[in-house]
Amino acid sequence: MTDPVLRPFRAEDVAAVYDVCLRTGLEGEDATGHYADPDLLGHLWAGPYLAIEPEHCLVVEDESGVAGYCLATVDTRRFEAACEEQWWPALRTRHDDPDGDRGTWSRDEVLAHLVHHPPVAPDTVVAEHPAHLHIDLLPRLQGRGLGRGLMTTMLALLATDGAPGVHLGTGPGNTRALGFYDRLGFTELLRAPHVVFLGRPLP
């Protein structure tokens, strides 16, 4: 058995990255079977980075294929604008913006709403931490130091490319993730009902 390899994203990795996104899509748990369109999670949380800023996308691959990734942008505001111009319009023609009582929406409709109203990072978070990232690993690669390796490599890459600070968001109840980020030097920047924004300076 060979050791997993951390490497830059390649165009042929798109389907595998989407699969990892789905299989970690319920706060780290497998979301397979929970969505009528299994690609919706990937369209929201992975695809824009792969299409717009592939130079800041890393994957980790073992003998069974890509099983984790770290996706980032060096400039959140520039990235949000690029998504609005290049990524969301085509998806909006394929997914209607749901209306009516939000409490009755399906999981797919919740994500479709985000396609039409993508989240925007708070100004107070972006001011000193303009870069941001997402990281996901399948269970078979967890607990082996690969998440730290992905993060360390990405933080160095973002610093080299001029970002003075980086942020990310995680669920307030995700104690495992909060502990992981704390060990990497992230501190709380802002807390909202469903997300905690964490950040750290670079390098």
N, C-alpha and C. Protein backbone atom coordinates (compact mmCIF):
# COMPACT_ATOMS: atom_id res chain seq x y z
N MET A 1 0.85 -1.20 0.00
CA MET A 1 0.00 0.00 0.00
C MET A 1 0.88 1.24 0.00
N THR A 2 0.61 2.16 -0.94
CA THR A 2 1.38 3.39 -1.03
C THR A 2 0.75 4.48 -0.16
N ASP A 3 1.56 5.43 0.25
CA ASP A 3 1.06 6.53 1.06
C ASP A 3 0.23 7.48 0.20
N PRO A 4 -0.79 8.13 0.80
CA PRO A 4 -1.55 9.13 0.06
C PRO A 4 -0.64 10.26 -0.42
N VAL A 5 -1.02 10.84 -1.54
CA VAL A 5 -0.23 11.90 -2.17
C VAL A 5 -1.03 13.20 -2.18
N LEU A 6 -0.42 14.27 -1.71
CA LEU A 6 -1.01 15.60 -1.79
C LEU A 6 -0.49 16.25 -3.06
N ARG A 7 -1.40 16.75 -3.89
CA ARG A 7 -0.96 17.32 -5.16
C ARG A 7 -1.92 18.41 -5.61
N PRO A 8 -1.53 19.22 -6.61
CA PRO A 8 -2.45 20.21 -7.17
C PRO A 8 -3.63 19.54 -7.87
N PHE A 9 -4.77 20.20 -7.84
CA PHE A 9 -5.96 19.77 -8.57
C PHE A 9 -5.67 19.72 -10.07
N ARG A 10 -6.25 18.69 -10.72
CA ARG A 10 -6.20 18.59 -12.18
C ARG A 10 -7.64 18.55 -12.72
N ALA A 11 -7.81 18.95 -13.96
CA ALA A 11 -9.16 19.06 -14.53
C ALA A 11 -9.93 17.75 -14.44
N GLU A 12 -9.23 16.63 -14.54
CA GLU A 12 -9.92 15.34 -14.49
C GLU A 12 -10.38 14.95 -13.08
N ASP A 13 -10.09 15.78 -12.09
CA ASP A 13 -10.48 15.49 -10.70
C ASP A 13 -11.88 16.00 -10.35
N VAL A 14 -12.53 16.72 -11.26
CA VAL A 14 -13.78 17.41 -10.89
C VAL A 14 -14.80 16.43 -10.30
N ALA A 15 -15.07 15.33 -10.98
CA ALA A 15 -16.08 14.39 -10.49
C ALA A 15 -15.71 13.83 -9.12
N ALA A 16 -14.44 13.54 -8.91
CA ALA A 16 -14.00 13.00 -7.62
C ALA A 16 -14.14 14.03 -6.51
N VAL A 17 -13.82 15.29 -6.80
CA VAL A 17 -13.99 16.35 -5.80
C VAL A 17 -15.46 16.52 -5.44
N TYR A 18 -16.33 16.49 -6.45
CA TYR A 18 -17.77 16.57 -6.18
C TYR A 18 -18.22 15.40 -5.31
N ASP A 19 -17.67 14.22 -5.56
CA ASP A 19 -18.04 13.05 -4.77
C ASP A 19 -17.63 13.22 -3.31
N VAL A 20 -16.44 13.73 -3.07
CA VAL A 20 -15.99 13.98 -1.70
C VAL A 20 -16.90 15.02 -1.04
N CYS A 21 -17.25 16.05 -1.79
CA CYS A 21 -18.13 17.09 -1.26
C CYS A 21 -19.46 16.49 -0.82
N LEU A 22 -20.03 15.60 -1.63
CA LEU A 22 -21.29 14.96 -1.28
C LEU A 22 -21.13 14.04 -0.07
N ARG A 23 -20.06 13.30 -0.05
CA ARG A 23 -19.87 12.29 1.01
C ARG A 23 -19.41 12.90 2.34
N THR A 24 -19.21 14.21 2.36
CA THR A 24 -18.93 14.93 3.61
C THR A 24 -19.95 16.06 3.81
N GLY A 25 -21.08 16.00 3.09
CA GLY A 25 -21.97 17.14 2.98
C GLY A 25 -22.96 17.37 4.09
N LEU A 26 -23.02 16.48 5.08
CA LEU A 26 -23.91 16.69 6.22
C LEU A 26 -23.06 16.91 7.46
N GLU A 27 -22.46 18.11 7.53
CA GLU A 27 -21.54 18.47 8.62
C GLU A 27 -20.49 17.38 8.82
N GLY A 28 -19.91 16.97 7.70
CA GLY A 28 -18.85 15.98 7.74
C GLY A 28 -19.31 14.56 7.49
N GLU A 29 -20.61 14.32 7.57
CA GLU A 29 -21.16 12.98 7.34
C GLU A 29 -21.62 12.83 5.89
N ASP A 30 -21.86 11.61 5.48
CA ASP A 30 -22.23 11.29 4.11
C ASP A 30 -23.64 11.78 3.79
N ALA A 31 -23.74 12.61 2.73
CA ALA A 31 -25.04 13.13 2.30
C ALA A 31 -25.62 12.35 1.13
N THR A 32 -25.00 11.26 0.75
CA THR A 32 -25.49 10.45 -0.37
C THR A 32 -26.93 10.02 -0.10
N GLY A 33 -27.81 10.23 -1.09
CA GLY A 33 -29.20 9.84 -0.95
C GLY A 33 -30.09 10.90 -0.33
N HIS A 34 -29.49 12.00 0.14
CA HIS A 34 -30.27 13.05 0.79
C HIS A 34 -30.70 14.14 -0.17
N TYR A 35 -30.19 14.13 -1.40
CA TYR A 35 -30.51 15.17 -2.39
C TYR A 35 -30.98 14.53 -3.69
N ALA A 36 -32.01 15.11 -4.29
CA ALA A 36 -32.46 14.63 -5.58
C ALA A 36 -31.39 14.86 -6.64
N ASP A 37 -30.71 15.99 -6.55
CA ASP A 37 -29.58 16.30 -7.43
C ASP A 37 -28.30 16.20 -6.61
N PRO A 38 -27.57 15.10 -6.71
CA PRO A 38 -26.39 14.92 -5.87
C PRO A 38 -25.24 15.87 -6.20
N ASP A 39 -25.34 16.59 -7.31
CA ASP A 39 -24.27 17.53 -7.69
C ASP A 39 -24.45 18.91 -7.08
N LEU A 40 -25.62 19.16 -6.48
CA LEU A 40 -25.88 20.52 -5.99
C LEU A 40 -24.88 20.97 -4.94
N LEU A 41 -24.53 20.10 -4.01
CA LEU A 41 -23.53 20.48 -3.00
C LEU A 41 -22.21 20.86 -3.67
N GLY A 42 -21.79 20.07 -4.63
CA GLY A 42 -20.55 20.37 -5.34
C GLY A 42 -20.63 21.67 -6.11
N HIS A 43 -21.79 21.93 -6.74
CA HIS A 43 -21.95 23.19 -7.47
C HIS A 43 -21.78 24.39 -6.56
N LEU A 44 -22.21 24.25 -5.31
CA LEU A 44 -22.14 25.37 -4.37
C LEU A 44 -20.76 25.52 -3.74
N TRP A 45 -20.20 24.42 -3.24
CA TRP A 45 -19.06 24.50 -2.34
C TRP A 45 -17.74 24.04 -2.93
N ALA A 46 -17.76 23.54 -4.16
CA ALA A 46 -16.51 23.08 -4.78
C ALA A 46 -16.32 23.63 -6.18
N GLY A 47 -17.33 23.49 -7.01
CA GLY A 47 -17.21 23.85 -8.41
C GLY A 47 -16.68 25.25 -8.69
N PRO A 48 -17.14 26.28 -7.97
CA PRO A 48 -16.64 27.62 -8.28
C PRO A 48 -15.13 27.75 -8.14
N TYR A 49 -14.56 27.11 -7.14
CA TYR A 49 -13.11 27.18 -6.92
C TYR A 49 -12.37 26.45 -8.04
N LEU A 50 -12.88 25.28 -8.42
CA LEU A 50 -12.23 24.50 -9.47
C LEU A 50 -12.25 25.24 -10.80
N ALA A 51 -13.33 25.97 -11.05
CA ALA A 51 -13.48 26.66 -12.33
C ALA A 51 -12.78 28.00 -12.37
N ILE A 52 -12.82 28.74 -11.27
CA ILE A 52 -12.37 30.13 -11.26
C ILE A 52 -10.95 30.29 -10.73
N GLU A 53 -10.58 29.47 -9.76
CA GLU A 53 -9.26 29.64 -9.14
C GLU A 53 -8.58 28.28 -8.91
N PRO A 54 -8.41 27.50 -9.98
CA PRO A 54 -7.85 26.15 -9.82
C PRO A 54 -6.44 26.14 -9.26
N GLU A 55 -5.72 27.26 -9.41
CA GLU A 55 -4.36 27.32 -8.88
C GLU A 55 -4.32 27.31 -7.36
N HIS A 56 -5.47 27.50 -6.71
CA HIS A 56 -5.55 27.44 -5.26
C HIS A 56 -6.43 26.27 -4.81
N CYS A 57 -6.35 25.16 -5.56
CA CYS A 57 -7.07 23.93 -5.22
C CYS A 57 -6.08 22.78 -5.10
N LEU A 58 -6.14 22.10 -3.98
CA LEU A 58 -5.27 20.95 -3.71
C LEU A 58 -6.13 19.73 -3.44
N VAL A 59 -5.63 18.54 -3.80
CA VAL A 59 -6.31 17.30 -3.48
C VAL A 59 -5.33 16.35 -2.82
N VAL A 60 -5.88 15.36 -2.12
CA VAL A 60 -5.07 14.27 -1.59
C VAL A 60 -5.65 12.98 -2.16
N GLU A 61 -4.78 12.14 -2.67
CA GLU A 61 -5.18 10.96 -3.41
C GLU A 61 -4.50 9.72 -2.84
N ASP A 62 -5.28 8.64 -2.67
CA ASP A 62 -4.69 7.36 -2.27
C ASP A 62 -4.93 6.33 -3.38
N GLU A 63 -4.72 5.07 -3.08
CA GLU A 63 -4.85 4.04 -4.11
C GLU A 63 -6.25 3.93 -4.67
N SER A 64 -7.25 4.40 -3.91
CA SER A 64 -8.63 4.32 -4.36
C SER A 64 -9.10 5.59 -5.06
N GLY A 65 -8.25 6.60 -5.10
CA GLY A 65 -8.61 7.84 -5.78
C GLY A 65 -8.57 9.04 -4.86
N VAL A 66 -9.05 10.17 -5.38
CA VAL A 66 -9.10 11.41 -4.61
C VAL A 66 -10.05 11.24 -3.43
N ALA A 67 -9.56 11.55 -2.24
CA ALA A 67 -10.36 11.34 -1.03
C ALA A 67 -10.37 12.57 -0.12
N GLY A 68 -9.88 13.69 -0.61
CA GLY A 68 -9.91 14.91 0.17
C GLY A 68 -9.43 16.07 -0.67
N TYR A 69 -9.73 17.26 -0.18
CA TYR A 69 -9.32 18.47 -0.91
C TYR A 69 -9.25 19.66 0.02
N CYS A 70 -8.54 20.67 -0.43
CA CYS A 70 -8.58 22.00 0.18
C CYS A 70 -8.70 22.98 -0.97
N LEU A 71 -9.77 23.78 -0.96
CA LEU A 71 -10.09 24.71 -2.03
C LEU A 71 -10.10 26.12 -1.46
N ALA A 72 -9.50 27.06 -2.18
CA ALA A 72 -9.33 28.39 -1.59
C ALA A 72 -9.37 29.48 -2.65
N THR A 73 -9.52 30.69 -2.17
CA THR A 73 -9.33 31.88 -2.98
C THR A 73 -8.44 32.84 -2.21
N VAL A 74 -7.60 33.54 -2.92
CA VAL A 74 -6.71 34.49 -2.27
C VAL A 74 -7.41 35.81 -1.96
N ASP A 75 -8.56 36.08 -2.65
CA ASP A 75 -9.27 37.35 -2.49
C ASP A 75 -10.77 37.07 -2.56
N THR A 76 -11.42 37.05 -1.41
CA THR A 76 -12.83 36.67 -1.33
C THR A 76 -13.73 37.60 -2.13
N ARG A 77 -13.55 38.90 -2.04
CA ARG A 77 -14.41 39.83 -2.76
C ARG A 77 -14.25 39.66 -4.28
N ARG A 78 -13.05 39.51 -4.75
CA ARG A 78 -12.82 39.29 -6.18
C ARG A 78 -13.46 37.97 -6.61
N PHE A 79 -13.34 36.95 -5.77
CA PHE A 79 -13.91 35.64 -6.06
C PHE A 79 -15.43 35.71 -6.12
N GLU A 80 -16.05 36.39 -5.17
CA GLU A 80 -17.51 36.54 -5.17
C GLU A 80 -17.99 37.21 -6.45
N ALA A 81 -17.28 38.24 -6.90
CA ALA A 81 -17.65 38.93 -8.13
C ALA A 81 -17.48 38.03 -9.34
N ALA A 82 -16.41 37.24 -9.36
CA ALA A 82 -16.18 36.33 -10.48
C ALA A 82 -17.27 35.25 -10.53
N CYS A 83 -17.68 34.74 -9.37
CA CYS A 83 -18.76 33.75 -9.33
C CYS A 83 -20.05 34.34 -9.88
N GLU A 84 -20.33 35.57 -9.51
CA GLU A 84 -21.55 36.22 -9.98
C GLU A 84 -21.55 36.38 -11.50
N GLU A 85 -20.40 36.57 -12.06
CA GLU A 85 -20.29 36.76 -13.51
C GLU A 85 -20.16 35.44 -14.27
N GLN A 86 -19.40 34.48 -13.69
CA GLN A 86 -19.02 33.31 -14.47
C GLN A 86 -19.67 32.00 -14.03
N TRP A 87 -20.13 31.91 -12.78
CA TRP A 87 -20.56 30.61 -12.26
C TRP A 87 -22.05 30.51 -12.02
N TRP A 88 -22.62 31.46 -11.30
CA TRP A 88 -24.03 31.34 -10.90
C TRP A 88 -25.02 31.47 -12.04
N PRO A 89 -24.80 32.31 -13.07
CA PRO A 89 -25.85 32.48 -14.09
C PRO A 89 -26.32 31.18 -14.74
N ALA A 90 -25.41 30.31 -15.14
CA ALA A 90 -25.82 29.05 -15.78
C ALA A 90 -26.60 28.16 -14.81
N LEU A 91 -26.18 28.13 -13.55
CA LEU A 91 -26.89 27.30 -12.57
C LEU A 91 -28.28 27.84 -12.29
N ARG A 92 -28.43 29.16 -12.34
CA ARG A 92 -29.74 29.76 -12.06
C ARG A 92 -30.76 29.42 -13.14
N THR A 93 -30.31 29.13 -14.34
CA THR A 93 -31.24 28.72 -15.40
C THR A 93 -31.71 27.28 -15.20
N ARG A 94 -30.97 26.51 -14.41
CA ARG A 94 -31.28 25.09 -14.21
C ARG A 94 -32.00 24.82 -12.89
N HIS A 95 -31.92 25.77 -11.96
CA HIS A 95 -32.51 25.57 -10.64
C HIS A 95 -33.34 26.80 -10.27
N ASP A 96 -34.65 26.61 -10.15
CA ASP A 96 -35.53 27.72 -9.79
C ASP A 96 -35.28 28.15 -8.35
N ASP A 97 -35.46 29.44 -8.10
CA ASP A 97 -35.38 29.98 -6.74
C ASP A 97 -36.69 29.65 -6.04
N PRO A 98 -36.66 28.84 -4.98
CA PRO A 98 -37.93 28.45 -4.34
C PRO A 98 -38.61 29.64 -3.65
N ASP A 99 -39.92 29.54 -3.53
CA ASP A 99 -40.66 30.56 -2.80
C ASP A 99 -41.52 29.88 -1.75
N GLY A 100 -42.35 30.66 -1.10
CA GLY A 100 -43.22 30.09 -0.07
C GLY A 100 -42.51 29.93 1.25
N ASP A 101 -43.08 29.11 2.11
CA ASP A 101 -42.58 28.90 3.47
C ASP A 101 -41.27 28.13 3.44
N ARG A 102 -40.20 28.78 3.91
CA ARG A 102 -38.89 28.15 3.92
C ARG A 102 -38.90 26.84 4.71
N GLY A 103 -39.73 26.76 5.70
CA GLY A 103 -39.80 25.56 6.51
C GLY A 103 -40.30 24.34 5.76
N THR A 104 -40.90 24.54 4.60
CA THR A 104 -41.41 23.42 3.81
C THR A 104 -40.45 23.04 2.68
N TRP A 105 -39.35 23.76 2.54
CA TRP A 105 -38.43 23.49 1.42
C TRP A 105 -37.73 22.15 1.61
N SER A 106 -37.48 21.50 0.50
CA SER A 106 -36.65 20.30 0.50
C SER A 106 -35.18 20.70 0.65
N ARG A 107 -34.32 19.71 0.88
CA ARG A 107 -32.88 20.00 0.95
C ARG A 107 -32.40 20.61 -0.38
N ASP A 108 -32.91 20.11 -1.49
CA ASP A 108 -32.50 20.66 -2.78
C ASP A 108 -32.94 22.12 -2.92
N GLU A 109 -34.13 22.42 -2.45
CA GLU A 109 -34.62 23.80 -2.56
C GLU A 109 -33.80 24.75 -1.69
N VAL A 110 -33.35 24.28 -0.54
CA VAL A 110 -32.48 25.12 0.30
C VAL A 110 -31.21 25.47 -0.45
N LEU A 111 -30.62 24.49 -1.14
CA LEU A 111 -29.40 24.76 -1.90
C LEU A 111 -29.69 25.61 -3.13
N ALA A 112 -30.83 25.37 -3.78
CA ALA A 112 -31.19 26.18 -4.94
C ALA A 112 -31.34 27.65 -4.55
N HIS A 113 -31.88 27.89 -3.39
CA HIS A 113 -31.99 29.28 -2.90
C HIS A 113 -30.60 29.92 -2.78
N LEU A 114 -29.61 29.15 -2.31
CA LEU A 114 -28.26 29.68 -2.19
C LEU A 114 -27.63 29.94 -3.56
N VAL A 115 -28.02 29.17 -4.57
CA VAL A 115 -27.54 29.45 -5.92
C VAL A 115 -27.98 30.85 -6.36
N HIS A 116 -29.21 31.21 -6.01
CA HIS A 116 -29.75 32.53 -6.39
C HIS A 116 -29.34 33.62 -5.42
N HIS A 117 -28.99 33.23 -4.20
CA HIS A 117 -28.61 34.21 -3.17
C HIS A 117 -27.36 33.69 -2.45
N PRO A 118 -26.24 33.63 -3.14
CA PRO A 118 -25.04 33.05 -2.52
C PRO A 118 -24.58 33.87 -1.31
N PRO A 119 -24.09 33.19 -0.29
CA PRO A 119 -23.63 33.90 0.90
C PRO A 119 -22.46 34.83 0.58
N VAL A 120 -22.44 35.96 1.25
CA VAL A 120 -21.38 36.95 1.10
C VAL A 120 -20.66 37.06 2.44
N ALA A 121 -19.36 36.99 2.42
CA ALA A 121 -18.59 37.06 3.66
C ALA A 121 -18.74 38.42 4.32
N PRO A 122 -18.89 38.48 5.64
CA PRO A 122 -19.04 39.76 6.33
C PRO A 122 -17.81 40.66 6.14
N ASP A 123 -18.06 41.96 6.03
CA ASP A 123 -16.97 42.92 5.86
C ASP A 123 -15.95 42.83 6.98
N THR A 124 -16.43 42.64 8.20
CA THR A 124 -15.52 42.61 9.34
C THR A 124 -14.58 41.41 9.30
N VAL A 125 -15.02 40.34 8.63
CA VAL A 125 -14.19 39.15 8.49
C VAL A 125 -13.17 39.33 7.37
N VAL A 126 -13.62 39.88 6.27
CA VAL A 126 -12.77 40.01 5.08
C VAL A 126 -11.72 41.10 5.24
N ALA A 127 -11.99 42.09 6.07
CA ALA A 127 -11.10 43.25 6.17
C ALA A 127 -9.63 42.87 6.37
N GLU A 128 -9.36 41.99 7.30
CA GLU A 128 -7.98 41.59 7.57
C GLU A 128 -7.70 40.15 7.16
N HIS A 129 -8.73 39.45 6.70
CA HIS A 129 -8.58 38.04 6.32
C HIS A 129 -9.25 37.82 4.96
N PRO A 130 -8.72 38.42 3.89
CA PRO A 130 -9.41 38.41 2.59
C PRO A 130 -9.43 37.05 1.90
N ALA A 131 -8.51 36.17 2.20
CA ALA A 131 -8.54 34.83 1.62
C ALA A 131 -9.51 33.96 2.41
N HIS A 132 -10.03 32.91 1.77
CA HIS A 132 -10.80 31.93 2.52
C HIS A 132 -10.62 30.56 1.90
N LEU A 133 -10.98 29.51 2.65
CA LEU A 133 -10.78 28.14 2.18
C LEU A 133 -11.85 27.20 2.70
N HIS A 134 -11.96 26.05 2.02
CA HIS A 134 -12.77 24.91 2.45
C HIS A 134 -11.89 23.67 2.43
N ILE A 135 -12.08 22.80 3.39
CA ILE A 135 -11.34 21.54 3.42
C ILE A 135 -12.28 20.41 3.79
N ASP A 136 -12.16 19.27 3.10
CA ASP A 136 -12.93 18.08 3.42
C ASP A 136 -12.08 16.84 3.16
N LEU A 137 -12.21 15.86 4.05
CA LEU A 137 -11.51 14.58 3.91
C LEU A 137 -12.50 13.44 4.15
N LEU A 138 -12.44 12.42 3.33
CA LEU A 138 -13.24 11.23 3.60
C LEU A 138 -12.71 10.52 4.84
N PRO A 139 -13.56 9.77 5.52
CA PRO A 139 -13.14 9.12 6.78
C PRO A 139 -11.88 8.28 6.65
N ARG A 140 -11.67 7.65 5.51
CA ARG A 140 -10.51 6.75 5.41
C ARG A 140 -9.18 7.50 5.47
N LEU A 141 -9.20 8.82 5.29
CA LEU A 141 -7.97 9.59 5.37
C LEU A 141 -7.89 10.45 6.62
N GLN A 142 -8.93 10.42 7.44
CA GLN A 142 -8.94 11.26 8.64
C GLN A 142 -8.06 10.66 9.73
N GLY A 143 -7.53 11.52 10.57
CA GLY A 143 -6.72 11.08 11.70
C GLY A 143 -5.32 10.63 11.33
N ARG A 144 -4.85 11.01 10.15
CA ARG A 144 -3.53 10.57 9.69
C ARG A 144 -2.61 11.75 9.40
N GLY A 145 -3.01 12.95 9.80
CA GLY A 145 -2.18 14.12 9.57
C GLY A 145 -2.33 14.73 8.19
N LEU A 146 -3.22 14.17 7.37
CA LEU A 146 -3.37 14.66 6.01
C LEU A 146 -4.12 15.99 5.96
N GLY A 147 -5.08 16.17 6.87
CA GLY A 147 -5.76 17.46 6.94
C GLY A 147 -4.79 18.58 7.29
N ARG A 148 -3.95 18.34 8.27
CA ARG A 148 -2.93 19.33 8.63
C ARG A 148 -1.99 19.59 7.45
N GLY A 149 -1.62 18.53 6.73
CA GLY A 149 -0.76 18.70 5.58
C GLY A 149 -1.40 19.55 4.49
N LEU A 150 -2.67 19.30 4.21
CA LEU A 150 -3.39 20.11 3.24
C LEU A 150 -3.44 21.56 3.66
N MET A 151 -3.79 21.78 4.93
CA MET A 151 -3.91 23.14 5.42
C MET A 151 -2.57 23.86 5.41
N THR A 152 -1.53 23.22 5.88
CA THR A 152 -0.21 23.86 5.93
C THR A 152 0.26 24.24 4.53
N THR A 153 0.05 23.33 3.57
CA THR A 153 0.45 23.63 2.21
C THR A 153 -0.36 24.78 1.63
N MET A 154 -1.68 24.78 1.87
CA MET A 154 -2.52 25.84 1.34
C MET A 154 -2.21 27.18 1.99
N LEU A 155 -1.99 27.21 3.29
CA LEU A 155 -1.67 28.47 3.96
C LEU A 155 -0.39 29.07 3.41
N ALA A 156 0.60 28.24 3.16
CA ALA A 156 1.85 28.73 2.57
C ALA A 156 1.62 29.26 1.17
N LEU A 157 0.77 28.58 0.39
CA LEU A 157 0.48 29.01 -0.98
C LEU A 157 -0.23 30.36 -0.99
N LEU A 158 -1.23 30.52 -0.12
CA LEU A 158 -1.96 31.78 -0.05
C LEU A 158 -1.05 32.92 0.39
N ALA A 159 -0.17 32.64 1.35
CA ALA A 159 0.77 33.68 1.80
C ALA A 159 1.71 34.08 0.68
N THR A 160 2.22 33.10 -0.06
CA THR A 160 3.12 33.39 -1.17
C THR A 160 2.43 34.24 -2.23
N ASP A 161 1.12 34.03 -2.40
CA ASP A 161 0.38 34.76 -3.42
C ASP A 161 -0.21 36.07 -2.90
N GLY A 162 0.20 36.48 -1.70
CA GLY A 162 -0.07 37.84 -1.25
C GLY A 162 -1.19 38.04 -0.27
N ALA A 163 -1.84 36.99 0.21
CA ALA A 163 -2.93 37.16 1.16
C ALA A 163 -2.36 37.44 2.56
N PRO A 164 -2.82 38.52 3.22
CA PRO A 164 -2.33 38.81 4.57
C PRO A 164 -3.01 38.00 5.66
N GLY A 165 -4.17 37.41 5.33
CA GLY A 165 -4.90 36.62 6.31
C GLY A 165 -5.94 35.77 5.61
N VAL A 166 -6.40 34.71 6.30
CA VAL A 166 -7.35 33.77 5.71
C VAL A 166 -8.46 33.48 6.71
N HIS A 167 -9.67 33.24 6.21
CA HIS A 167 -10.77 32.87 7.09
C HIS A 167 -11.49 31.64 6.54
N LEU A 168 -12.34 31.08 7.37
CA LEU A 168 -13.20 29.96 7.00
C LEU A 168 -14.41 29.98 7.91
N GLY A 169 -15.43 29.21 7.52
CA GLY A 169 -16.61 29.10 8.35
C GLY A 169 -16.87 27.65 8.72
N THR A 170 -17.40 27.43 9.91
CA THR A 170 -17.75 26.08 10.33
C THR A 170 -18.96 26.15 11.25
N GLY A 171 -19.62 25.02 11.43
CA GLY A 171 -20.79 25.00 12.29
C GLY A 171 -20.42 25.20 13.74
N PRO A 172 -21.20 25.95 14.50
CA PRO A 172 -20.86 26.21 15.91
C PRO A 172 -20.85 24.95 16.76
N GLY A 173 -21.54 23.90 16.32
CA GLY A 173 -21.56 22.66 17.09
C GLY A 173 -20.53 21.64 16.65
N ASN A 174 -19.72 21.99 15.67
CA ASN A 174 -18.73 21.06 15.14
C ASN A 174 -17.45 21.16 15.97
N THR A 175 -17.48 20.56 17.13
CA THR A 175 -16.36 20.71 18.07
C THR A 175 -15.07 20.10 17.55
N ARG A 176 -15.19 19.03 16.77
CA ARG A 176 -13.98 18.41 16.21
C ARG A 176 -13.28 19.37 15.26
N ALA A 177 -14.05 20.01 14.38
CA ALA A 177 -13.46 20.97 13.44
C ALA A 177 -12.90 22.18 14.18
N LEU A 178 -13.63 22.67 15.16
CA LEU A 178 -13.17 23.84 15.92
C LEU A 178 -11.83 23.54 16.60
N GLY A 179 -11.69 22.35 17.15
CA GLY A 179 -10.42 21.97 17.78
C GLY A 179 -9.29 21.87 16.77
N PHE A 180 -9.59 21.31 15.60
CA PHE A 180 -8.60 21.18 14.52
C PHE A 180 -8.09 22.55 14.10
N TYR A 181 -9.01 23.48 13.87
CA TYR A 181 -8.60 24.81 13.42
C TYR A 181 -7.87 25.58 14.51
N ASP A 182 -8.28 25.36 15.75
CA ASP A 182 -7.59 26.01 16.87
C ASP A 182 -6.12 25.59 16.91
N ARG A 183 -5.85 24.33 16.68
CA ARG A 183 -4.47 23.84 16.69
C ARG A 183 -3.65 24.40 15.53
N LEU A 184 -4.33 24.89 14.50
CA LEU A 184 -3.64 25.49 13.35
C LEU A 184 -3.52 27.01 13.47
N GLY A 185 -3.91 27.53 14.63
CA GLY A 185 -3.73 28.96 14.87
C GLY A 185 -4.89 29.84 14.50
N PHE A 186 -6.05 29.26 14.20
CA PHE A 186 -7.24 30.05 13.88
C PHE A 186 -7.94 30.49 15.17
N THR A 187 -8.47 31.69 15.16
CA THR A 187 -9.23 32.21 16.29
C THR A 187 -10.59 32.70 15.79
N GLU A 188 -11.53 32.79 16.69
CA GLU A 188 -12.89 33.20 16.32
C GLU A 188 -12.91 34.68 15.94
N LEU A 189 -13.52 34.98 14.78
CA LEU A 189 -13.68 36.35 14.31
C LEU A 189 -15.10 36.85 14.49
N LEU A 190 -16.07 35.96 14.25
CA LEU A 190 -17.48 36.36 14.29
C LEU A 190 -18.32 35.11 14.45
N ARG A 191 -19.36 35.22 15.29
CA ARG A 191 -20.26 34.08 15.51
C ARG A 191 -21.67 34.48 15.12
N ALA A 192 -22.29 33.68 14.25
CA ALA A 192 -23.67 33.86 13.84
C ALA A 192 -24.44 32.60 14.25
N PRO A 193 -25.78 32.61 14.10
CA PRO A 193 -26.55 31.46 14.58
C PRO A 193 -26.12 30.12 13.98
N HIS A 194 -25.71 30.10 12.71
CA HIS A 194 -25.43 28.82 12.07
C HIS A 194 -23.99 28.68 11.60
N VAL A 195 -23.16 29.65 11.87
CA VAL A 195 -21.77 29.57 11.40
C VAL A 195 -20.86 30.36 12.32
N VAL A 196 -19.68 29.83 12.51
CA VAL A 196 -18.62 30.55 13.22
C VAL A 196 -17.52 30.84 12.20
N PHE A 197 -17.16 32.11 12.09
CA PHE A 197 -16.06 32.51 11.22
C PHE A 197 -14.76 32.52 12.04
N LEU A 198 -13.78 31.80 11.53
CA LEU A 198 -12.46 31.73 12.16
C LEU A 198 -11.43 32.30 11.20
N GLY A 199 -10.36 32.86 11.74
CA GLY A 199 -9.33 33.40 10.87
C GLY A 199 -7.98 33.37 11.53
N ARG A 200 -6.94 33.57 10.69
CA ARG A 200 -5.58 33.69 11.19
C ARG A 200 -4.78 34.50 10.18
N PRO A 201 -3.77 35.21 10.69
CA PRO A 201 -2.90 35.94 9.77
C PRO A 201 -2.00 34.99 9.00
N LEU A 202 -1.47 35.48 7.89
CA LEU A 202 -0.52 34.72 7.08
C LEU A 202 0.77 35.51 6.99
N PRO A 203 1.94 34.89 6.93
CA PRO A 203 2.09 33.43 6.92
C PRO A 203 1.90 32.84 8.32
